[in-house]
N, C-alpha and C. Protein backbone atom coordinates (compact mmCIF):
# COMPACT_ATOMS: atom_id res chain seq x y z
N MET A 1 1.13 -1.03 0.24
CA MET A 1 -0.24 0.01 0.22
C MET A 1 0.78 1.17 -0.11
N GLU A 2 0.49 2.39 -0.24
CA GLU A 2 0.92 3.49 -0.58
C GLU A 2 0.26 4.72 -0.42
N ILE A 3 0.55 5.91 -0.03
CA ILE A 3 0.10 7.34 -0.19
C ILE A 3 -0.09 7.75 -1.81
N THR A 4 -1.29 7.46 -1.72
CA THR A 4 -1.51 8.56 -3.48
C THR A 4 -2.27 9.79 -3.37
N LYS A 5 -2.41 10.01 -2.27
CA LYS A 5 -3.08 11.71 -2.51
C LYS A 5 -3.12 12.10 -0.90
N ILE A 6 -2.87 13.44 -0.74
CA ILE A 6 -2.46 14.34 0.60
C ILE A 6 -3.62 15.81 0.13
N TRP A 7 -4.68 15.52 1.18
CA TRP A 7 -5.22 16.69 1.03
C TRP A 7 -5.44 17.83 2.57
N ARG A 8 -5.12 18.75 2.82
CA ARG A 8 -5.32 19.75 3.52
C ARG A 8 -5.95 20.88 3.16
N TYR A 9 -6.77 21.71 4.63
CA TYR A 9 -8.03 22.06 4.30
C TYR A 9 -7.33 23.37 5.38
N PRO A 10 -6.70 24.23 5.23
CA PRO A 10 -6.61 25.36 6.24
C PRO A 10 -7.44 26.29 6.43
N VAL A 11 -8.81 26.16 5.74
CA VAL A 11 -9.61 26.79 6.44
C VAL A 11 -10.81 25.94 6.52
N LYS A 12 -11.88 25.69 7.56
CA LYS A 12 -12.72 24.53 7.91
C LYS A 12 -13.79 24.53 6.79
N THR A 13 -14.25 23.93 6.19
CA THR A 13 -15.44 23.64 5.19
C THR A 13 -15.50 24.64 3.82
N LEU A 14 -14.31 24.87 3.71
CA LEU A 14 -13.55 25.39 1.90
C LEU A 14 -12.94 24.56 1.45
N ALA A 15 -12.85 24.43 0.21
CA ALA A 15 -12.10 23.67 -0.43
C ALA A 15 -10.85 23.73 -0.26
N GLY A 16 -10.31 22.53 -0.33
CA GLY A 16 -8.85 22.38 0.33
C GLY A 16 -7.79 22.46 -0.76
N GLU A 17 -6.53 21.71 -0.30
CA GLU A 17 -5.38 21.66 -1.21
C GLU A 17 -4.79 20.75 -1.28
N SER A 18 -4.33 20.17 -2.43
CA SER A 18 -3.56 18.63 -2.82
C SER A 18 -2.10 18.94 -2.70
N LEU A 19 -1.38 18.30 -1.79
CA LEU A 19 -0.06 18.55 -1.42
C LEU A 19 0.68 17.15 -1.55
N SER A 20 2.24 17.34 -2.20
CA SER A 20 2.82 16.24 -2.39
C SER A 20 3.49 15.52 -1.15
N ARG A 21 3.56 16.53 -0.14
CA ARG A 21 4.36 16.21 1.46
C ARG A 21 4.08 17.46 2.13
N VAL A 22 3.81 16.95 3.71
CA VAL A 22 3.51 17.50 4.18
C VAL A 22 4.08 17.06 6.10
N TYR A 23 4.36 18.04 6.69
CA TYR A 23 4.44 17.37 8.03
C TYR A 23 3.18 17.32 9.00
N MET A 24 3.81 15.79 9.26
CA MET A 24 1.92 15.53 10.56
C MET A 24 2.77 15.62 11.74
N GLY A 25 2.13 16.28 12.27
CA GLY A 25 2.23 16.95 14.31
C GLY A 25 1.14 15.97 14.86
N GLU A 26 1.07 16.56 15.77
CA GLU A 26 0.44 15.77 16.73
C GLU A 26 -1.11 16.07 16.42
N LEU A 27 -1.32 17.35 15.88
CA LEU A 27 -2.73 17.59 15.64
C LEU A 27 -3.41 17.24 13.72
N GLY A 28 -2.56 16.46 13.13
CA GLY A 28 -2.85 16.30 12.01
C GLY A 28 -1.95 16.81 11.07
N LEU A 29 -2.23 17.35 9.84
CA LEU A 29 -1.30 18.02 9.02
C LEU A 29 -1.08 19.11 9.31
N GLU A 30 0.16 19.49 9.36
CA GLU A 30 0.50 20.92 9.92
C GLU A 30 -0.43 22.23 8.51
N GLY A 31 -1.18 23.01 9.80
CA GLY A 31 -2.00 24.10 8.85
C GLY A 31 -2.98 23.60 8.57
N ASP A 32 -3.87 22.50 9.13
CA ASP A 32 -5.18 22.11 8.84
C ASP A 32 -6.07 22.33 9.14
N ARG A 33 -7.09 23.15 8.79
CA ARG A 33 -8.42 23.68 9.50
C ARG A 33 -8.28 24.20 11.01
N ILE A 34 -6.96 25.41 10.40
CA ILE A 34 -6.88 26.36 11.81
C ILE A 34 -7.76 27.87 11.31
N VAL A 35 -8.52 27.55 10.63
CA VAL A 35 -9.27 28.73 10.55
C VAL A 35 -10.83 28.41 10.14
N HIS A 36 -11.49 28.85 10.62
CA HIS A 36 -13.20 28.42 10.81
C HIS A 36 -13.94 29.02 10.44
N VAL A 37 -15.46 29.24 9.92
CA VAL A 37 -16.36 30.35 9.86
C VAL A 37 -17.28 30.44 10.92
N GLU A 38 -17.37 31.79 11.84
CA GLU A 38 -18.46 31.71 12.85
C GLU A 38 -19.64 32.49 12.61
N SER A 39 -20.44 32.42 13.05
CA SER A 39 -22.17 33.58 13.02
C SER A 39 -21.38 34.74 13.98
N ALA A 40 -22.33 35.32 13.98
CA ALA A 40 -22.53 36.76 14.70
C ALA A 40 -22.46 36.28 16.14
N ARG A 41 -23.14 35.01 16.09
CA ARG A 41 -23.93 34.74 17.59
C ARG A 41 -22.69 33.82 18.00
N GLY A 42 -21.58 33.41 17.31
CA GLY A 42 -20.25 32.77 18.18
C GLY A 42 -20.33 31.25 17.61
N GLY A 43 -21.29 30.47 16.61
CA GLY A 43 -21.20 29.17 16.25
C GLY A 43 -20.56 29.11 15.06
N VAL A 44 -20.26 27.58 15.26
CA VAL A 44 -19.70 27.68 13.40
C VAL A 44 -20.44 27.14 12.46
N ILE A 45 -20.16 27.76 11.28
CA ILE A 45 -20.76 27.44 10.29
C ILE A 45 -19.96 26.55 9.10
N THR A 46 -20.96 26.02 8.55
CA THR A 46 -20.26 24.79 7.60
C THR A 46 -20.82 24.96 6.70
N SER A 47 -20.17 23.97 5.47
CA SER A 47 -20.76 23.80 4.37
C SER A 47 -22.36 22.73 4.87
N ARG A 48 -22.29 22.18 5.56
CA ARG A 48 -23.75 21.19 5.49
C ARG A 48 -24.98 22.34 5.22
N THR A 49 -24.63 23.25 5.91
CA THR A 49 -26.17 24.67 5.95
C THR A 49 -25.54 25.34 4.89
N HIS A 50 -24.20 25.65 4.25
CA HIS A 50 -24.17 26.95 3.54
C HIS A 50 -23.00 26.32 2.48
N PRO A 51 -23.38 25.33 1.62
CA PRO A 51 -22.79 24.62 0.45
C PRO A 51 -21.82 25.92 -0.12
N LYS A 52 -21.87 26.52 -0.33
CA LYS A 52 -21.46 28.01 -1.14
C LYS A 52 -19.81 28.04 -1.02
N PHE A 53 -19.78 27.75 0.20
CA PHE A 53 -18.46 27.94 0.88
C PHE A 53 -17.56 26.57 0.05
N LEU A 54 -18.15 25.47 -0.67
CA LEU A 54 -17.09 24.64 -0.94
C LEU A 54 -16.70 25.13 -2.69
N GLY A 55 -17.26 26.14 -2.61
CA GLY A 55 -16.50 27.33 -4.00
C GLY A 55 -15.36 28.10 -3.90
N LEU A 56 -14.69 27.91 -2.57
CA LEU A 56 -14.36 28.67 -1.87
C LEU A 56 -13.08 28.07 -1.78
N HIS A 57 -11.55 28.38 -2.29
CA HIS A 57 -10.49 27.71 -2.09
C HIS A 57 -9.49 27.66 -1.05
N SER A 58 -9.49 26.96 0.09
CA SER A 58 -8.51 27.27 0.76
C SER A 58 -7.05 26.41 0.31
N SER A 59 -5.90 27.46 0.91
CA SER A 59 -4.49 27.15 0.97
C SER A 59 -3.45 27.72 1.68
N LEU A 60 -2.37 27.36 1.94
CA LEU A 60 -1.52 28.01 2.83
C LEU A 60 -0.44 28.70 2.45
N SER A 61 -0.09 29.89 2.69
CA SER A 61 1.05 30.64 1.88
C SER A 61 2.45 29.95 2.01
N PRO A 62 3.29 30.57 1.41
CA PRO A 62 4.85 29.91 1.66
C PRO A 62 5.44 30.27 2.42
N GLU A 63 4.48 31.65 3.68
CA GLU A 63 5.21 31.66 5.04
C GLU A 63 4.26 31.07 6.45
N GLY A 64 3.22 30.30 5.75
CA GLY A 64 2.10 29.32 6.45
C GLY A 64 0.81 30.28 6.85
N GLU A 65 0.50 31.44 6.15
CA GLU A 65 -0.43 31.98 6.50
C GLU A 65 -1.85 31.37 5.63
N PRO A 66 -2.86 31.21 6.42
CA PRO A 66 -4.15 30.83 5.09
C PRO A 66 -4.51 31.79 4.10
N LEU A 67 -4.41 30.97 2.84
CA LEU A 67 -5.12 32.30 1.89
C LEU A 67 -6.64 31.35 1.59
N VAL A 68 -7.63 32.41 1.02
CA VAL A 68 -8.70 32.22 0.36
C VAL A 68 -9.15 32.54 -0.99
N ASP A 69 -8.93 31.67 -2.16
CA ASP A 69 -8.79 31.94 -3.22
C ASP A 69 -7.65 33.30 -3.76
N GLY A 70 -6.52 32.64 -2.62
CA GLY A 70 -5.41 33.21 -2.96
C GLY A 70 -5.38 34.77 -2.21
N GLN A 71 -5.73 34.80 -1.41
CA GLN A 71 -5.77 36.26 -0.48
C GLN A 71 -6.15 35.85 0.74
N PRO A 72 -4.98 36.75 1.46
CA PRO A 72 -4.67 36.21 3.03
C PRO A 72 -6.40 36.37 3.62
N TRP A 73 -6.50 35.42 4.45
CA TRP A 73 -7.74 34.65 5.11
C TRP A 73 -8.75 35.88 5.80
N ASN A 74 -7.62 37.03 6.32
CA ASN A 74 -8.34 38.23 7.26
C ASN A 74 -8.47 39.21 6.66
N SER A 75 -8.44 39.61 5.02
CA SER A 75 -8.02 40.28 4.57
C SER A 75 -9.63 41.12 3.85
N PRO A 76 -10.08 42.31 3.64
CA PRO A 76 -11.53 43.19 3.43
C PRO A 76 -12.35 41.70 2.36
N GLU A 77 -11.63 41.57 1.15
CA GLU A 77 -11.78 40.96 -0.22
C GLU A 77 -12.70 39.51 0.49
N VAL A 78 -12.06 38.71 1.40
CA VAL A 78 -12.22 37.31 1.78
C VAL A 78 -13.33 37.92 2.58
N ALA A 79 -13.81 39.04 3.47
CA ALA A 79 -14.63 39.24 4.68
C ALA A 79 -16.13 39.24 3.85
N ALA A 80 -15.86 39.90 2.35
CA ALA A 80 -16.96 40.28 2.32
C ALA A 80 -17.51 38.86 1.35
N LYS A 81 -16.74 38.16 1.11
CA LYS A 81 -16.92 36.58 0.25
C LYS A 81 -17.66 35.90 1.54
N VAL A 82 -17.60 35.68 2.91
CA VAL A 82 -18.00 35.01 3.70
C VAL A 82 -19.22 35.52 4.09
N VAL A 83 -19.06 37.02 4.53
CA VAL A 83 -20.81 37.84 4.77
C VAL A 83 -21.63 37.66 3.12
N LYS A 84 -21.65 37.43 2.30
CA LYS A 84 -22.17 37.38 1.35
C LYS A 84 -22.87 35.53 1.52
N ILE A 85 -22.00 34.78 1.51
CA ILE A 85 -22.54 33.63 1.61
C ILE A 85 -23.21 33.11 2.77
N ALA A 86 -22.99 33.60 4.39
CA ALA A 86 -23.90 33.40 5.53
C ALA A 86 -24.12 34.22 6.07
N GLY A 87 -24.15 35.84 5.64
CA GLY A 87 -25.03 36.42 5.90
C GLY A 87 -24.21 37.21 7.34
N ALA A 88 -24.68 38.67 7.19
CA ALA A 88 -23.90 39.70 8.24
C ALA A 88 -23.53 39.52 9.56
N GLY A 89 -22.79 39.44 10.17
CA GLY A 89 -21.75 39.05 11.13
C GLY A 89 -21.15 37.66 11.33
N ALA A 90 -21.11 37.03 9.89
CA ALA A 90 -20.10 36.21 9.62
C ALA A 90 -18.82 36.19 9.55
N GLU A 91 -18.01 35.70 9.96
CA GLU A 91 -16.32 35.98 9.53
C GLU A 91 -15.46 34.49 10.01
N LEU A 92 -14.03 34.95 9.38
CA LEU A 92 -13.40 34.07 9.90
C LEU A 92 -12.38 33.98 10.98
N VAL A 93 -12.39 33.22 11.92
CA VAL A 93 -11.72 32.98 12.91
C VAL A 93 -10.65 31.95 13.27
N ARG A 94 -9.57 32.43 13.65
CA ARG A 94 -8.42 31.53 13.60
C ARG A 94 -8.41 31.22 14.83
N TYR A 95 -8.26 29.94 15.33
CA TYR A 95 -7.98 29.21 16.14
C TYR A 95 -7.33 27.69 15.94
N GLU A 96 -6.59 27.73 16.91
CA GLU A 96 -5.52 25.95 16.22
C GLU A 96 -5.54 25.05 17.49
N GLY A 97 -7.02 24.93 18.52
CA GLY A 97 -7.10 24.01 19.51
C GLY A 97 -7.81 22.91 18.82
N ALA A 98 -7.42 21.63 19.57
CA ALA A 98 -7.85 20.58 19.10
C ALA A 98 -9.55 20.40 19.12
N GLU A 99 -10.31 21.12 19.44
CA GLU A 99 -11.85 21.44 19.61
C GLU A 99 -11.74 21.40 17.91
N ARG A 100 -10.88 22.19 17.34
CA ARG A 100 -11.40 22.81 15.77
C ARG A 100 -11.89 21.62 14.97
N PHE A 101 -11.47 20.45 15.16
CA PHE A 101 -11.91 19.02 14.67
C PHE A 101 -13.46 18.64 14.90
N ASP A 102 -13.90 17.92 13.92
CA ASP A 102 -15.60 18.37 14.46
C ASP A 102 -15.37 16.37 15.25
N ILE A 103 -14.21 15.23 14.88
CA ILE A 103 -14.24 14.27 15.45
C ILE A 103 -12.90 13.99 15.59
N LEU A 104 -11.68 13.85 14.51
CA LEU A 104 -10.00 13.67 15.25
C LEU A 104 -9.55 14.14 13.88
N PRO A 105 -8.39 14.44 13.97
CA PRO A 105 -7.67 15.23 13.08
C PRO A 105 -7.29 14.72 11.82
N LEU A 106 -7.37 13.28 11.77
CA LEU A 106 -7.09 13.00 10.24
C LEU A 106 -8.57 12.06 10.25
N LEU A 107 -8.61 12.13 8.35
CA LEU A 107 -9.58 11.18 7.69
C LEU A 107 -8.54 10.14 6.96
N VAL A 108 -8.42 9.31 7.14
CA VAL A 108 -8.06 8.69 6.02
C VAL A 108 -9.12 7.74 4.97
N ALA A 109 -8.92 7.74 3.83
CA ALA A 109 -9.88 6.86 2.61
C ALA A 109 -8.88 6.16 1.96
N THR A 110 -9.39 4.87 1.34
CA THR A 110 -8.57 3.85 0.85
C THR A 110 -9.09 3.78 -0.56
N ASP A 111 -8.32 3.45 -1.54
CA ASP A 111 -8.67 3.34 -2.98
C ASP A 111 -9.86 2.39 -3.00
N GLY A 112 -9.87 1.40 -2.77
CA GLY A 112 -10.95 -0.06 -2.92
C GLY A 112 -12.33 1.00 -2.10
N ALA A 113 -12.29 1.88 -0.95
CA ALA A 113 -13.76 2.03 -0.67
C ALA A 113 -14.51 3.15 -1.55
N ILE A 114 -13.33 3.91 -1.86
CA ILE A 114 -13.87 4.93 -2.84
C ILE A 114 -13.97 4.43 -4.21
N THR A 115 -13.53 3.18 -4.80
CA THR A 115 -13.99 2.49 -6.00
C THR A 115 -15.19 1.91 -5.94
N ALA A 116 -15.50 1.63 -4.76
CA ALA A 116 -16.90 0.82 -3.91
C ALA A 116 -17.78 2.33 -4.28
N PHE A 117 -17.72 3.32 -3.65
CA PHE A 117 -18.34 4.36 -3.82
C PHE A 117 -18.68 4.85 -4.62
N GLY A 118 -17.97 4.98 -5.62
CA GLY A 118 -18.69 5.33 -6.78
C GLY A 118 -18.63 6.70 -7.61
N HIS A 119 -18.47 7.36 -6.70
CA HIS A 119 -17.96 9.04 -6.99
C HIS A 119 -16.99 9.52 -6.82
N ASP A 120 -17.00 11.03 -6.95
CA ASP A 120 -15.73 11.97 -6.61
C ASP A 120 -14.72 11.59 -5.13
N TYR A 121 -13.97 11.56 -4.92
CA TYR A 121 -13.69 10.92 -3.61
C TYR A 121 -13.57 12.43 -2.99
N ARG A 122 -13.38 13.13 -3.27
CA ARG A 122 -12.97 14.60 -2.53
C ARG A 122 -14.45 15.18 -1.93
N ARG A 123 -15.13 14.29 -2.32
CA ARG A 123 -16.95 14.55 -1.91
C ARG A 123 -16.99 13.56 -0.04
N LEU A 124 -15.93 13.25 0.07
CA LEU A 124 -15.37 12.42 1.62
C LEU A 124 -14.56 13.42 2.29
N ARG A 125 -13.57 14.36 1.75
CA ARG A 125 -12.89 15.26 2.31
C ARG A 125 -12.01 14.41 2.70
N PRO A 126 -11.12 13.25 2.59
CA PRO A 126 -10.20 13.00 3.54
C PRO A 126 -8.99 13.75 3.35
N ASN A 127 -7.88 13.55 4.51
CA ASN A 127 -6.88 13.99 4.09
C ASN A 127 -5.48 13.37 3.49
N ILE A 128 -5.66 11.96 3.85
CA ILE A 128 -4.89 10.99 3.09
C ILE A 128 -5.99 9.79 2.47
N VAL A 129 -5.25 9.58 1.14
CA VAL A 129 -5.67 8.48 0.36
C VAL A 129 -4.98 7.44 0.22
N ILE A 130 -5.15 6.25 0.64
CA ILE A 130 -4.35 4.74 0.60
C ILE A 130 -4.87 4.27 -0.21
N GLY A 131 -3.70 3.96 -1.37
CA GLY A 131 -3.51 3.05 -2.62
C GLY A 131 -3.46 1.74 -2.58
N GLY A 132 -3.81 0.79 -3.10
CA GLY A 132 -3.22 -0.45 -2.65
C GLY A 132 -4.11 -1.45 -2.00
N VAL A 133 -5.49 -1.22 -1.50
CA VAL A 133 -6.26 -1.55 -0.94
C VAL A 133 -7.35 -2.66 -1.63
N GLU A 134 -7.47 -3.56 -1.24
CA GLU A 134 -8.49 -4.27 -2.21
C GLU A 134 -9.63 -4.13 -1.72
N GLY A 135 -11.15 -4.06 -2.28
CA GLY A 135 -12.38 -3.80 -2.12
C GLY A 135 -12.93 -2.80 -0.60
N MET A 136 -13.56 -3.27 0.24
CA MET A 136 -13.59 -2.76 1.64
C MET A 136 -12.66 -3.12 2.81
N ALA A 137 -11.81 -3.35 2.65
CA ALA A 137 -10.95 -3.92 3.65
C ALA A 137 -10.67 -2.73 4.48
N GLU A 138 -10.91 -1.61 4.73
CA GLU A 138 -11.07 -0.22 5.38
C GLU A 138 -11.91 -1.04 6.64
N ARG A 139 -12.55 -1.68 6.42
CA ARG A 139 -13.93 -1.70 7.46
C ARG A 139 -13.40 -2.74 8.63
N ASP A 140 -12.34 -3.30 8.25
CA ASP A 140 -11.75 -4.32 9.00
C ASP A 140 -10.69 -3.54 10.02
N TRP A 141 -10.02 -2.42 9.57
CA TRP A 141 -8.73 -1.94 10.23
C TRP A 141 -9.07 -1.11 11.82
N GLU A 142 -10.46 -1.10 12.13
CA GLU A 142 -10.65 -0.13 13.54
C GLU A 142 -9.79 -1.38 14.57
N GLY A 143 -8.83 0.28 15.30
CA GLY A 143 -8.26 -0.25 16.31
C GLY A 143 -6.83 -0.65 16.19
N ARG A 144 -6.71 -0.72 14.76
CA ARG A 144 -4.88 -1.26 14.53
C ARG A 144 -4.59 0.26 14.06
N MET A 145 -3.13 0.56 13.26
CA MET A 145 -2.16 1.63 13.28
C MET A 145 -1.45 1.51 11.67
N LEU A 146 -1.22 2.54 11.10
CA LEU A 146 -0.72 2.39 9.63
C LEU A 146 0.68 3.34 9.75
N GLN A 147 1.52 2.23 9.22
CA GLN A 147 3.00 2.77 9.82
C GLN A 147 3.38 3.37 8.59
N VAL A 148 3.76 4.91 8.65
CA VAL A 148 4.18 5.30 7.03
C VAL A 148 5.80 6.13 7.34
N GLY A 149 6.59 5.49 7.25
CA GLY A 149 8.15 5.85 7.67
C GLY A 149 8.27 5.92 9.05
N SER A 150 8.89 7.32 9.66
CA SER A 150 8.85 7.39 10.97
C SER A 150 7.50 7.29 11.67
N ALA A 151 6.39 7.89 10.82
CA ALA A 151 5.08 8.42 11.75
C ALA A 151 4.10 7.08 11.73
N LEU A 152 3.26 7.38 12.78
CA LEU A 152 2.15 6.28 12.94
C LEU A 152 0.79 6.92 13.12
N ILE A 153 0.06 6.44 12.29
CA ILE A 153 -1.29 6.73 12.25
C ILE A 153 -2.29 5.78 13.33
N GLY A 154 -3.21 6.19 14.20
CA GLY A 154 -4.28 5.27 14.93
C GLY A 154 -5.22 5.22 14.04
N ILE A 155 -5.79 4.04 14.12
CA ILE A 155 -7.44 4.16 13.50
C ILE A 155 -8.43 3.67 14.36
N GLN A 156 -9.55 5.08 14.71
CA GLN A 156 -10.46 4.86 15.33
C GLN A 156 -11.48 3.92 15.33
N ASP A 157 -11.88 4.40 13.95
CA ASP A 157 -13.17 4.20 13.99
C ASP A 157 -13.72 4.17 12.40
N LEU A 158 -14.73 4.01 11.85
CA LEU A 158 -15.58 4.28 10.49
C LEU A 158 -16.02 5.62 10.26
N ARG A 159 -16.00 6.77 9.53
CA ARG A 159 -16.42 8.08 9.53
C ARG A 159 -18.24 7.68 9.23
N MET A 160 -18.95 8.12 10.24
CA MET A 160 -20.47 8.06 9.98
C MET A 160 -20.66 9.58 8.79
N ARG A 161 -20.63 9.24 7.58
CA ARG A 161 -21.25 10.71 7.19
C ARG A 161 -22.36 11.16 7.13
N CYS A 162 -21.67 12.96 6.42
CA CYS A 162 -23.26 13.77 6.63
C CYS A 162 -23.74 14.09 4.94
N ILE A 163 -24.21 15.18 5.18
CA ILE A 163 -25.08 15.88 4.02
C ILE A 163 -24.39 16.10 3.02
N MET A 164 -22.67 16.81 3.39
CA MET A 164 -21.58 17.41 2.61
C MET A 164 -21.85 16.32 1.74
N THR A 165 -21.49 15.14 1.76
CA THR A 165 -20.97 14.27 0.60
C THR A 165 -22.32 14.08 -0.82
N SER A 166 -23.37 14.63 -0.09
CA SER A 166 -24.38 15.13 -1.33
C SER A 166 -23.54 16.20 -2.38
N PHE A 167 -22.78 17.05 -1.93
CA PHE A 167 -22.49 18.13 -2.82
C PHE A 167 -21.51 18.14 -3.71
N ASP A 168 -21.52 18.67 -4.96
CA ASP A 168 -20.78 18.42 -5.95
C ASP A 168 -19.38 19.23 -5.29
N PRO A 169 -18.31 19.04 -5.39
CA PRO A 169 -17.10 20.03 -4.91
C PRO A 169 -16.79 20.92 -5.62
N ASP A 170 -17.13 20.86 -7.02
CA ASP A 170 -16.94 21.98 -8.46
C ASP A 170 -18.14 22.92 -8.67
N THR A 171 -19.21 22.25 -8.39
CA THR A 171 -20.78 23.10 -8.73
C THR A 171 -21.53 23.33 -7.60
N GLN A 172 -21.11 22.68 -6.61
CA GLN A 172 -21.78 22.71 -5.14
C GLN A 172 -23.77 22.45 -5.33
N ILE A 173 -24.03 21.55 -6.39
CA ILE A 173 -24.93 21.08 -6.90
C ILE A 173 -25.34 19.77 -6.34
N GLN A 174 -26.60 19.99 -5.57
CA GLN A 174 -26.75 18.65 -4.55
C GLN A 174 -27.25 17.89 -5.03
N ASN A 175 -27.04 16.37 -4.95
CA ASN A 175 -27.60 15.12 -5.26
C ASN A 175 -27.44 14.32 -3.64
N LYS A 176 -28.99 14.71 -3.25
CA LYS A 176 -29.18 13.46 -2.23
C LYS A 176 -29.18 12.11 -2.01
N GLU A 177 -29.45 11.63 -3.30
CA GLU A 177 -29.21 10.39 -3.62
C GLU A 177 -27.73 9.78 -3.33
N ILE A 178 -26.58 10.50 -3.59
CA ILE A 178 -25.17 10.09 -3.10
C ILE A 178 -25.12 9.62 -1.71
N THR A 179 -25.79 10.47 -0.57
CA THR A 179 -25.69 10.63 0.90
C THR A 179 -26.79 9.38 0.96
N GLN A 180 -27.84 8.93 1.03
CA GLN A 180 -28.64 8.01 0.92
C GLN A 180 -27.89 6.88 0.21
N GLY A 181 -27.19 6.99 -0.79
CA GLY A 181 -25.90 5.68 -1.31
C GLY A 181 -25.54 5.03 -0.23
N ILE A 182 -25.00 5.91 0.77
CA ILE A 182 -23.88 5.52 1.29
C ILE A 182 -24.38 4.86 2.87
N TYR A 183 -25.80 5.19 2.68
CA TYR A 183 -26.57 4.86 4.06
C TYR A 183 -26.86 3.26 3.71
N GLN A 184 -27.50 3.03 2.76
CA GLN A 184 -28.04 2.28 1.61
C GLN A 184 -27.10 1.06 1.75
N ARG A 185 -26.15 1.39 1.56
CA ARG A 185 -24.57 0.21 1.00
C ARG A 185 -23.69 0.11 2.05
N PHE A 186 -23.93 1.41 2.89
CA PHE A 186 -21.98 0.93 3.82
C PHE A 186 -22.76 1.66 5.16
N GLU A 187 -24.33 1.31 5.53
CA GLU A 187 -24.46 1.69 6.86
C GLU A 187 -24.04 3.33 7.33
N GLY A 188 -24.05 3.87 6.22
CA GLY A 188 -23.64 5.42 6.63
C GLY A 188 -22.21 5.67 6.72
N LYS A 189 -20.96 4.60 6.57
CA LYS A 189 -20.15 4.94 6.81
C LYS A 189 -19.18 4.92 6.13
N LEU A 190 -17.95 5.46 5.24
CA LEU A 190 -16.86 5.29 4.93
C LEU A 190 -15.72 6.23 5.19
N ALA A 191 -14.69 5.73 5.10
CA ALA A 191 -13.33 6.63 5.56
C ALA A 191 -13.32 6.12 6.79
N LEU A 192 -12.05 6.76 7.58
CA LEU A 192 -11.60 6.44 9.10
C LEU A 192 -11.28 7.66 9.77
N ASN A 193 -11.37 7.43 10.86
CA ASN A 193 -11.34 8.33 12.19
C ASN A 193 -10.17 8.20 12.42
N CYS A 194 -8.89 9.03 12.46
CA CYS A 194 -7.43 8.51 12.56
C CYS A 194 -6.96 9.79 13.45
N PHE A 195 -6.32 9.25 14.15
CA PHE A 195 -5.13 10.02 15.18
C PHE A 195 -3.62 9.90 14.77
N VAL A 196 -2.73 10.84 15.57
CA VAL A 196 -1.55 10.92 15.28
C VAL A 196 -0.69 10.24 16.52
N VAL A 197 -0.04 8.95 16.41
CA VAL A 197 0.35 8.76 17.40
C VAL A 197 1.92 8.57 17.03
N GLN A 198 2.22 9.00 16.46
CA GLN A 198 3.92 9.26 15.95
C GLN A 198 4.10 10.61 15.14
N GLU A 199 4.53 11.48 15.22
CA GLU A 199 4.73 12.30 14.32
C GLU A 199 5.61 12.62 13.25
N GLY A 200 5.81 12.86 12.51
CA GLY A 200 6.59 12.51 11.27
C GLY A 200 6.22 13.42 9.82
N ASP A 201 7.27 13.34 8.75
CA ASP A 201 7.11 13.59 7.26
C ASP A 201 6.19 12.85 6.40
N ILE A 202 5.41 12.61 5.89
CA ILE A 202 4.67 12.02 4.91
C ILE A 202 4.69 12.51 3.89
N ALA A 203 4.73 11.70 2.62
CA ALA A 203 4.35 12.26 1.42
C ALA A 203 3.81 11.17 0.45
N VAL A 204 3.26 11.61 -0.71
CA VAL A 204 2.89 10.67 -1.78
C VAL A 204 3.98 9.79 -2.62
N GLY A 205 3.25 8.69 -2.26
CA GLY A 205 4.48 7.83 -2.89
C GLY A 205 4.89 6.78 -1.24
N ASP A 206 4.62 7.37 -0.33
CA ASP A 206 5.39 6.92 1.23
C ASP A 206 4.89 5.11 0.85
N LYS A 207 5.05 4.15 1.01
CA LYS A 207 4.71 3.09 1.42
C LYS A 207 3.79 2.97 2.99
N VAL A 208 2.74 2.64 2.84
CA VAL A 208 2.08 2.06 3.70
C VAL A 208 1.81 1.10 4.45
N GLU A 209 1.99 0.85 5.77
CA GLU A 209 1.78 -1.13 6.48
C GLU A 209 0.99 -0.49 7.67
N LEU A 210 0.01 -1.73 7.50
CA LEU A 210 -1.08 -2.03 8.45
C LEU A 210 -0.61 -3.06 9.80
N VAL A 211 -0.32 -2.41 10.98
CA VAL A 211 0.15 -2.60 11.95
C VAL A 211 -0.56 -2.88 12.88
């Protein structure tokens, strides 16, 4: 098995960026989900309720600062885009604590499960895609670990999927049948909730061992 794709989402709920390599620290991929959208009341806003956020692309600058469509995350131009989608008072907030993750810092998907899913893997919003996995083998990996060089990833359980899988990552057009299909065919679960046991650099092409 090997890593075939790495994805980071510097601004939570926005489209992310594809990477060739990255440092994986205690809280997942360096720079992942370090900014999020908040309402005027302080609640976190996501693409579950505002799917147009999937049309904005987040990345990190060479200096490690989050960008939205190539502009600084805290610029007036980006602020206007956020308000246009989420309404008056909505804003981007930087927060790097562990609570910024909905469940765990890493989501790992496998090519076998993606093939069975039959749709664009980006709908699953994985951090890491592992190739060379036969069929739905990931469903037997709970409680085990993935060794990637000196890095070690712990596998907690399968991810229960939400309505975000129904939105096309490019057009944001919704097809609820895709989410319904996950529940009908896979008991609502696809990809793996994971955490970091041992930090280290990871890269596309790195060999992966199930231990």
